[in-house]
Structure formats: C-alpha cells, structure tokens
Amino acid sequence: MRQVVTERETEGRNAQEQSSRLQAELTRLRQELQEKASQEDTLRQQMTEKEEKTRKAIVYAKQKISQLIGESVSLVLQLQDPR
C-alpha cells in the first residue's frame, strides 16, 4: 500500500513537472508568435511604403519623360523652321 502511494506521489510530481515545462514552452511559443506577427506587420508596412515611393517615382519619371519629349519636339521644330 505504501509503495502504491509513493508511486502515485511520484507520478503526480512528474506530471506537475511536465505540466510546468509545457506551460513554459507554451508561453515561449506564444511570445515568439507575437514577435513574428509584429515583425510581419513591420515588414508589410515597409513594403507598402516602398511600393508608394516606387509608384511616385514612376509617376515622376513618366512626367519627366513627357516633358523631355515635348522639349525635344519643340527643338526639332525650331531646327526645321528657323525664323
């Protein structure tokens, strides 16, 4: 009888230790998940900002190209028709 009680106490302690380890692991994994989610949000925000900068640069480049084409046409016309 005493041996059975001792075995059950040992099993109880082992179960508590395992539970504590699993709780610690769960806490660590939750924290890691939260950090990864935060990193993902930061990367998404950075990507959105870079996409916006790229879009603005493309719009500016198109405007500049149009301006230069207009100036080129104007210069060609001036060369063809000197006044």
PDB file of N, CA and C in Angstrom:
ATOM      1  N   MET A   1       0.831  -1.190   0.000  1.00  0.00           N
ATOM      2  CA  MET A   1       0.000   0.000   0.000  1.00  0.00           C
ATOM      3  C   MET A   1       0.869   1.244   0.000  1.00  0.00           C
ATOM      4  N   ARG A   2       1.875   1.223   0.854  1.00  0.00           N
ATOM      5  CA  ARG A   2       2.758   2.374   0.951  1.00  0.00           C
ATOM      6  C   ARG A   2       3.493   2.596  -0.371  1.00  0.00           C
ATOM      7  N   GLN A   3       3.878   1.504  -1.025  1.00  0.00           N
ATOM      8  CA  GLN A   3       4.581   1.606  -2.292  1.00  0.00           C
ATOM      9  C   GLN A   3       3.671   2.216  -3.360  1.00  0.00           C
ATOM     10  N   VAL A   4       2.415   1.863  -3.354  1.00  0.00           N
ATOM     11  CA  VAL A   4       1.454   2.408  -4.322  1.00  0.00           C
ATOM     12  C   VAL A   4       1.291   3.901  -4.093  1.00  0.00           C
ATOM     13  N   VAL A   5       1.206   4.323  -2.853  1.00  0.00           N
ATOM     14  CA  VAL A   5       1.080   5.740  -2.526  1.00  0.00           C
ATOM     15  C   VAL A   5       2.323   6.489  -2.995  1.00  0.00           C
ATOM     16  N   THR A   6       3.484   5.931  -2.751  1.00  0.00           N
ATOM     17  CA  THR A   6       4.742   6.556  -3.166  1.00  0.00           C
ATOM     18  C   THR A   6       4.809   6.663  -4.691  1.00  0.00           C
ATOM     19  N   GLU A   7       4.388   5.602  -5.369  1.00  0.00           N
ATOM     20  CA  GLU A   7       4.375   5.640  -6.837  1.00  0.00           C
ATOM     21  C   GLU A   7       3.427   6.718  -7.356  1.00  0.00           C
ATOM     22  N   ARG A   8       2.265   6.823  -6.734  1.00  0.00           N
ATOM     23  CA  ARG A   8       1.281   7.836  -7.164  1.00  0.00           C
ATOM     24  C   ARG A   8       1.803   9.249  -6.892  1.00  0.00           C
ATOM     25  N   GLU A   9       2.470   9.424  -5.761  1.00  0.00           N
ATOM     26  CA  GLU A   9       3.061  10.733  -5.460  1.00  0.00           C
ATOM     27  C   GLU A   9       4.129  11.089  -6.480  1.00  0.00           C
ATOM     28  N   THR A  10       4.948  10.093  -6.834  1.00  0.00           N
ATOM     29  CA  THR A  10       5.999  10.311  -7.833  1.00  0.00           C
ATOM     30  C   THR A  10       5.374  10.642  -9.183  1.00  0.00           C
ATOM     31  N   GLU A  11       4.346   9.892  -9.558  1.00  0.00           N
ATOM     32  CA  GLU A  11       3.650  10.169 -10.823  1.00  0.00           C
ATOM     33  C   GLU A  11       3.047  11.575 -10.810  1.00  0.00           C
ATOM     34  N   GLY A  12       2.486  11.958  -9.663  1.00  0.00           N
ATOM     35  CA  GLY A  12       1.912  13.303  -9.530  1.00  0.00           C
ATOM     36  C   GLY A  12       2.966  14.388  -9.701  1.00  0.00           C
ATOM     37  N   ARG A  13       4.106  14.195  -9.046  1.00  0.00           N
ATOM     38  CA  ARG A  13       5.201  15.166  -9.178  1.00  0.00           C
ATOM     39  C   ARG A  13       5.708  15.232 -10.617  1.00  0.00           C
ATOM     40  N   ASN A  14       5.862  14.065 -11.224  1.00  0.00           N
ATOM     41  CA  ASN A  14       6.321  14.025 -12.614  1.00  0.00           C
ATOM     42  C   ASN A  14       5.330  14.740 -13.532  1.00  0.00           C
ATOM     43  N   ALA A  15       4.053  14.508 -13.292  1.00  0.00           N
ATOM     44  CA  ALA A  15       3.025  15.171 -14.109  1.00  0.00           C
ATOM     45  C   ALA A  15       3.071  16.687 -13.897  1.00  0.00           C
ATOM     46  N   GLN A  16       3.277  17.124 -12.659  1.00  0.00           N
ATOM     47  CA  GLN A  16       3.377  18.557 -12.380  1.00  0.00           C
ATOM     48  C   GLN A  16       4.601  19.168 -13.056  1.00  0.00           C
ATOM     49  N   GLU A  17       5.712  18.463 -12.996  1.00  0.00           N
ATOM     50  CA  GLU A  17       6.932  18.950 -13.644  1.00  0.00           C
ATOM     51  C   GLU A  17       6.742  19.056 -15.154  1.00  0.00           C
ATOM     52  N   GLN A  18       6.125  18.035 -15.728  1.00  0.00           N
ATOM     53  CA  GLN A  18       5.872  18.049 -17.164  1.00  0.00           C
ATOM     54  C   GLN A  18       4.912  19.185 -17.520  1.00  0.00           C
ATOM     55  N   SER A  19       3.911  19.360 -16.701  1.00  0.00           N
ATOM     56  CA  SER A  19       2.955  20.441 -16.925  1.00  0.00           C
ATOM     57  C   SER A  19       3.645  21.801 -16.864  1.00  0.00           C
ATOM     58  N   SER A  20       4.541  21.976 -15.903  1.00  0.00           N
ATOM     59  CA  SER A  20       5.284  23.222 -15.773  1.00  0.00           C
ATOM     60  C   SER A  20       6.167  23.465 -17.002  1.00  0.00           C
ATOM     61  N   ARG A  21       6.839  22.401 -17.443  1.00  0.00           N
ATOM     62  CA  ARG A  21       7.681  22.533 -18.645  1.00  0.00           C
ATOM     63  C   ARG A  21       6.839  22.894 -19.859  1.00  0.00           C
ATOM     64  N   LEU A  22       5.704  22.234 -19.996  1.00  0.00           N
ATOM     65  CA  LEU A  22       4.831  22.516 -21.141  1.00  0.00           C
ATOM     66  C   LEU A  22       4.259  23.929 -21.075  1.00  0.00           C
ATOM     67  N   GLN A  23       3.930  24.384 -19.875  1.00  0.00           N
ATOM     68  CA  GLN A  23       3.436  25.756 -19.728  1.00  0.00           C
ATOM     69  C   GLN A  23       4.516  26.759 -20.117  1.00  0.00           C
ATOM     70  N   ALA A  24       5.741  26.493 -19.703  1.00  0.00           N
ATOM     71  CA  ALA A  24       6.849  27.385 -20.051  1.00  0.00           C
ATOM     72  C   ALA A  24       7.067  27.390 -21.565  1.00  0.00           C
ATOM     73  N   GLU A  25       7.011  26.220 -22.173  1.00  0.00           N
ATOM     74  CA  GLU A  25       7.178  26.114 -23.625  1.00  0.00           C
ATOM     75  C   GLU A  25       6.035  26.836 -24.340  1.00  0.00           C
ATOM     76  N   LEU A  26       4.828  26.671 -23.861  1.00  0.00           N
ATOM     77  CA  LEU A  26       3.676  27.347 -24.449  1.00  0.00           C
ATOM     78  C   LEU A  26       3.824  28.865 -24.350  1.00  0.00           C
ATOM     79  N   THR A  27       4.275  29.343 -23.214  1.00  0.00           N
ATOM     80  CA  THR A  27       4.490  30.781 -23.024  1.00  0.00           C
ATOM     81  C   THR A  27       5.560  31.282 -23.990  1.00  0.00           C
ATOM     82  N   ARG A  28       6.643  30.523 -24.121  1.00  0.00           N
ATOM     83  CA  ARG A  28       7.723  30.903 -25.034  1.00  0.00           C
ATOM     84  C   ARG A  28       7.226  30.933 -26.483  1.00  0.00           C
ATOM     85  N   LEU A  29       6.458  29.924 -26.869  1.00  0.00           N
ATOM     86  CA  LEU A  29       5.933  29.865 -28.234  1.00  0.00           C
ATOM     87  C   LEU A  29       4.947  30.993 -28.515  1.00  0.00           C
ATOM     88  N   ARG A  30       4.126  31.322 -27.536  1.00  0.00           N
ATOM     89  CA  ARG A  30       3.180  32.442 -27.707  1.00  0.00           C
ATOM     90  C   ARG A  30       3.935  33.750 -27.891  1.00  0.00           C
ATOM     91  N   GLN A  31       4.981  33.943 -27.101  1.00  0.00           N
ATOM     92  CA  GLN A  31       5.789  35.165 -27.214  1.00  0.00           C
ATOM     93  C   GLN A  31       6.478  35.214 -28.575  1.00  0.00           C
ATOM     94  N   GLU A  32       7.009  34.081 -29.011  1.00  0.00           N
ATOM     95  CA  GLU A  32       7.674  34.022 -30.319  1.00  0.00           C
ATOM     96  C   GLU A  32       6.673  34.329 -31.440  1.00  0.00           C
ATOM     97  N   LEU A  33       5.482  33.778 -31.328  1.00  0.00           N
ATOM     98  CA  LEU A  33       4.438  34.033 -32.318  1.00  0.00           C
ATOM     99  C   LEU A  33       4.072  35.510 -32.357  1.00  0.00           C
ATOM    100  N   GLN A  34       3.966  36.116 -31.186  1.00  0.00           N
ATOM    101  CA  GLN A  34       3.647  37.537 -31.109  1.00  0.00           C
ATOM    102  C   GLN A  34       4.763  38.375 -31.748  1.00  0.00           C
ATOM    103  N   GLU A  35       6.011  38.011 -31.495  1.00  0.00           N
ATOM    104  CA  GLU A  35       7.145  38.725 -32.092  1.00  0.00           C
ATOM    105  C   GLU A  35       7.144  38.576 -33.603  1.00  0.00           C
ATOM    106  N   LYS A  36       6.866  37.372 -34.088  1.00  0.00           N
ATOM    107  CA  LYS A  36       6.834  37.138 -35.538  1.00  0.00           C
ATOM    108  C   LYS A  36       5.693  37.933 -36.176  1.00  0.00           C
ATOM    109  N   ALA A  37       4.553  37.983 -35.521  1.00  0.00           N
ATOM    110  CA  ALA A  37       3.429  38.753 -36.049  1.00  0.00           C
ATOM    111  C   ALA A  37       3.780  40.236 -36.106  1.00  0.00           C
ATOM    112  N   SER A  38       4.475  40.712 -35.097  1.00  0.00           N
ATOM    113  CA  SER A  38       4.907  42.108 -35.074  1.00  0.00           C
ATOM    114  C   SER A  38       5.905  42.378 -36.198  1.00  0.00           C
ATOM    115  N   GLN A  39       6.849  41.463 -36.394  1.00  0.00           N
ATOM    116  CA  GLN A  39       7.814  41.602 -37.489  1.00  0.00           C
ATOM    117  C   GLN A  39       7.104  41.611 -38.838  1.00  0.00           C
ATOM    118  N   GLU A  40       6.114  40.744 -38.973  1.00  0.00           N
ATOM    119  CA  GLU A  40       5.359  40.676 -40.223  1.00  0.00           C
ATOM    120  C   GLU A  40       4.631  41.991 -40.485  1.00  0.00           C
ATOM    121  N   ASP A  41       4.012  42.544 -39.457  1.00  0.00           N
ATOM    122  CA  ASP A  41       3.333  43.834 -39.607  1.00  0.00           C
ATOM    123  C   ASP A  41       4.311  44.928 -40.014  1.00  0.00           C
ATOM    124  N   THR A  42       5.486  44.937 -39.390  1.00  0.00           N
ATOM    125  CA  THR A  42       6.504  45.934 -39.728  1.00  0.00           C
ATOM    126  C   THR A  42       6.952  45.777 -41.174  1.00  0.00           C
ATOM    127  N   LEU A  43       7.175  44.541 -41.594  1.00  0.00           N
ATOM    128  CA  LEU A  43       7.599  44.295 -42.981  1.00  0.00           C
ATOM    129  C   LEU A  43       6.504  44.686 -43.971  1.00  0.00           C
ATOM    130  N   ARG A  44       5.266  44.410 -43.632  1.00  0.00           N
ATOM    131  CA  ARG A  44       4.154  44.819 -44.509  1.00  0.00           C
ATOM    132  C   ARG A  44       4.109  46.340 -44.649  1.00  0.00           C
ATOM    133  N   GLN A  45       4.282  47.019 -43.537  1.00  0.00           N
ATOM    134  CA  GLN A  45       4.266  48.476 -43.561  1.00  0.00           C
ATOM    135  C   GLN A  45       5.432  49.006 -44.401  1.00  0.00           C
ATOM    136  N   GLN A  46       6.613  48.446 -44.221  1.00  0.00           N
ATOM    137  CA  GLN A  46       7.775  48.866 -45.006  1.00  0.00           C
ATOM    138  C   GLN A  46       7.551  48.609 -46.490  1.00  0.00           C
ATOM    139  N   MET A  47       6.970  47.467 -46.796  1.00  0.00           N
ATOM    140  CA  MET A  47       6.703  47.122 -48.185  1.00  0.00           C
ATOM    141  C   MET A  47       5.698  48.107 -48.795  1.00  0.00           C
ATOM    142  N   THR A  48       4.667  48.453 -48.045  1.00  0.00           N
ATOM    143  CA  THR A  48       3.669  49.411 -48.521  1.00  0.00           C
ATOM    144  C   THR A  48       4.324  50.767 -48.770  1.00  0.00           C
ATOM    145  N   GLU A  49       5.183  51.202 -47.854  1.00  0.00           N
ATOM    146  CA  GLU A  49       5.871  52.479 -48.020  1.00  0.00           C
ATOM    147  C   GLU A  49       6.767  52.459 -49.252  1.00  0.00           C
ATOM    148  N   LYS A  50       7.488  51.355 -49.466  1.00  0.00           N
ATOM    149  CA  LYS A  50       8.373  51.251 -50.628  1.00  0.00           C
ATOM    150  C   LYS A  50       7.562  51.219 -51.916  1.00  0.00           C
ATOM    151  N   GLU A  51       6.431  50.522 -51.899  1.00  0.00           N
ATOM    152  CA  GLU A  51       5.572  50.496 -53.084  1.00  0.00           C
ATOM    153  C   GLU A  51       5.068  51.900 -53.415  1.00  0.00           C
ATOM    154  N   GLU A  52       4.708  52.659 -52.399  1.00  0.00           N
ATOM    155  CA  GLU A  52       4.231  54.024 -52.610  1.00  0.00           C
ATOM    156  C   GLU A  52       5.352  54.904 -53.162  1.00  0.00           C
ATOM    157  N   LYS A  53       6.550  54.776 -52.621  1.00  0.00           N
ATOM    158  CA  LYS A  53       7.689  55.546 -53.137  1.00  0.00           C
ATOM    159  C   LYS A  53       7.974  55.171 -54.588  1.00  0.00           C
ATOM    160  N   THR A  54       7.914  53.879 -54.886  1.00  0.00           N
ATOM    161  CA  THR A  54       8.146  53.413 -56.250  1.00  0.00           C
ATOM    162  C   THR A  54       7.095  53.965 -57.193  1.00  0.00           C
ATOM    163  N   ARG A  55       5.834  53.936 -56.753  1.00  0.00           N
ATOM    164  CA  ARG A  55       4.742  54.459 -57.573  1.00  0.00           C
ATOM    165  C   ARG A  55       4.967  55.941 -57.856  1.00  0.00           C
ATOM    166  N   LYS A  56       5.340  56.695 -56.835  1.00  0.00           N
ATOM    167  CA  LYS A  56       5.591  58.127 -57.012  1.00  0.00           C
ATOM    168  C   LYS A  56       6.763  58.359 -57.956  1.00  0.00           C
ATOM    169  N   ALA A  57       7.812  57.542 -57.825  1.00  0.00           N
ATOM    170  CA  ALA A  57       8.979  57.680 -58.703  1.00  0.00           C
ATOM    171  C   ALA A  57       8.600  57.393 -60.150  1.00  0.00           C
ATOM    172  N   ILE A  58       7.756  56.405 -60.371  1.00  0.00           N
ATOM    173  CA  ILE A  58       7.318  56.072 -61.727  1.00  0.00           C
ATOM    174  C   ILE A  58       6.479  57.207 -62.308  1.00  0.00           C
ATOM    175  N   VAL A  59       5.567  57.747 -61.514  1.00  0.00           N
ATOM    176  CA  VAL A  59       4.750  58.872 -61.975  1.00  0.00           C
ATOM    177  C   VAL A  59       5.647  60.052 -62.326  1.00  0.00           C
ATOM    178  N   TYR A  60       6.621  60.359 -61.464  1.00  0.00           N
ATOM    179  CA  TYR A  60       7.538  61.466 -61.734  1.00  0.00           C
ATOM    180  C   TYR A  60       8.335  61.201 -63.011  1.00  0.00           C
ATOM    181  N   ALA A  61       8.831  59.963 -63.178  1.00  0.00           N
ATOM    182  CA  ALA A  61       9.623  59.623 -64.363  1.00  0.00           C
ATOM    183  C   ALA A  61       8.785  59.770 -65.632  1.00  0.00           C
ATOM    184  N   LYS A  62       7.533  59.337 -65.585  1.00  0.00           N
ATOM    185  CA  LYS A  62       6.654  59.480 -66.753  1.00  0.00           C
ATOM    186  C   LYS A  62       6.439  60.958 -67.085  1.00  0.00           C
ATOM    187  N   GLN A  63       6.234  61.760 -66.044  1.00  0.00           N
ATOM    188  CA  GLN A  63       6.051  63.195 -66.269  1.00  0.00           C
ATOM    189  C   GLN A  63       7.307  63.802 -66.878  1.00  0.00           C
ATOM    190  N   LYS A  64       8.454  63.421 -66.360  1.00  0.00           N
ATOM    191  CA  LYS A  64       9.723  63.957 -66.860  1.00  0.00           C
ATOM    192  C   LYS A  64       9.951  63.524 -68.301  1.00  0.00           C
ATOM    193  N   ILE A  65       9.645  62.271 -68.621  1.00  0.00           N
ATOM    194  CA  ILE A  65       9.781  61.772 -69.995  1.00  0.00           C
ATOM    195  C   ILE A  65       8.879  62.567 -70.929  1.00  0.00           C
ATOM    196  N   SER A  66       7.637  62.780 -70.510  1.00  0.00           N
ATOM    197  CA  SER A  66       6.704  63.563 -71.335  1.00  0.00           C
ATOM    198  C   SER A  66       7.238  64.977 -71.550  1.00  0.00           C
ATOM    199  N   GLN A  67       7.757  65.574 -70.495  1.00  0.00           N
ATOM    200  CA  GLN A  67       8.310  66.933 -70.595  1.00  0.00           C
ATOM    201  C   GLN A  67       9.488  66.956 -71.574  1.00  0.00           C
ATOM    202  N   LEU A  68      10.379  65.979 -71.459  1.00  0.00           N
ATOM    203  CA  LEU A  68      11.547  65.931 -72.334  1.00  0.00           C
ATOM    204  C   LEU A  68      11.156  65.661 -73.789  1.00  0.00           C
ATOM    205  N   ILE A  69      10.158  64.827 -73.987  1.00  0.00           N
ATOM    206  CA  ILE A  69       9.670  64.577 -75.350  1.00  0.00           C
ATOM    207  C   ILE A  69       9.108  65.870 -75.939  1.00  0.00           C
ATOM    208  N   GLY A  70       8.342  66.588 -75.122  1.00  0.00           N
ATOM    209  CA  GLY A  70       7.795  67.871 -75.582  1.00  0.00           C
ATOM    210  C   GLY A  70       8.893  68.848 -75.942  1.00  0.00           C
ATOM    211  N   GLU A  71       9.903  68.941 -75.110  1.00  0.00           N
ATOM    212  CA  GLU A  71      11.017  69.843 -75.392  1.00  0.00           C
ATOM    213  C   GLU A  71      11.770  69.397 -76.641  1.00  0.00           C
ATOM    214  N   SER A  72      11.941  68.081 -76.810  1.00  0.00           N
ATOM    215  CA  SER A  72      12.621  67.546 -77.981  1.00  0.00           C
ATOM    216  C   SER A  72      11.858  67.893 -79.250  1.00  0.00           C
ATOM    217  N   VAL A  73      10.553  67.705 -79.229  1.00  0.00           N
ATOM    218  CA  VAL A  73       9.715  68.053 -80.383  1.00  0.00           C
ATOM    219  C   VAL A  73       9.841  69.537 -80.672  1.00  0.00           C
ATOM    220  N   SER A  74       9.809  70.339 -79.650  1.00  0.00           N
ATOM    221  CA  SER A  74       9.931  71.787 -79.822  1.00  0.00           C
ATOM    222  C   SER A  74      11.273  72.148 -80.450  1.00  0.00           C
ATOM    223  N   LEU A  75      12.345  71.520 -79.995  1.00  0.00           N
ATOM    224  CA  LEU A  75      13.664  71.801 -80.554  1.00  0.00           C
ATOM    225  C   LEU A  75      13.755  71.342 -82.013  1.00  0.00           C
ATOM    226  N   VAL A  76      13.177  70.185 -82.319  1.00  0.00           N
ATOM    227  CA  VAL A  76      13.179  69.695 -83.697  1.00  0.00           C
ATOM    228  C   VAL A  76      12.441  70.677 -84.600  1.00  0.00           C
ATOM    229  N   LEU A  77      11.295  71.165 -84.126  1.00  0.00           N
ATOM    230  CA  LEU A  77      10.528  72.115 -84.915  1.00  0.00           C
ATOM    231  C   LEU A  77      11.310  73.410 -85.115  1.00  0.00           C
ATOM    232  N   GLN A  78      12.003  73.849 -84.089  1.00  0.00           N
ATOM    233  CA  GLN A  78      12.802  75.058 -84.204  1.00  0.00           C
ATOM    234  C   GLN A  78      13.926  74.863 -85.220  1.00  0.00           C
ATOM    235  N   LEU A  79      14.537  73.693 -85.218  1.00  0.00           N
ATOM    236  CA  LEU A  79      15.626  73.435 -86.157  1.00  0.00           C
ATOM    237  C   LEU A  79      15.117  73.333 -87.594  1.00  0.00           C
ATOM    238  N   GLN A  80      13.923  72.811 -87.750  1.00  0.00           N
ATOM    239  CA  GLN A  80      13.342  72.656 -89.089  1.00  0.00           C
ATOM    240  C   GLN A  80      12.841  73.995 -89.642  1.00  0.00           C
ATOM    241  N   ASP A  81      12.430  74.861 -88.764  1.00  0.00           N
ATOM    242  CA  ASP A  81      11.834  76.122 -89.198  1.00  0.00           C
ATOM    243  C   ASP A  81      12.522  77.281 -88.510  1.00  0.00           C
ATOM    244  N   PRO A  82      13.760  77.600 -88.914  1.00  0.00           N
ATOM    245  CA  PRO A  82      14.445  78.726 -88.271  1.00  0.00           C
ATOM    246  C   PRO A  82      13.769  80.033 -88.667  1.00  0.00           C
ATOM    247  N   ARG A  83      13.509  80.885 -87.719  1.00  0.00           N
ATOM    248  CA  ARG A  83      12.809  82.143 -88.010  1.00  0.00           C
ATOM    249  C   ARG A  83      13.751  83.286 -88.082  1.00  0.00           C
TER     250      ARG A  83
END
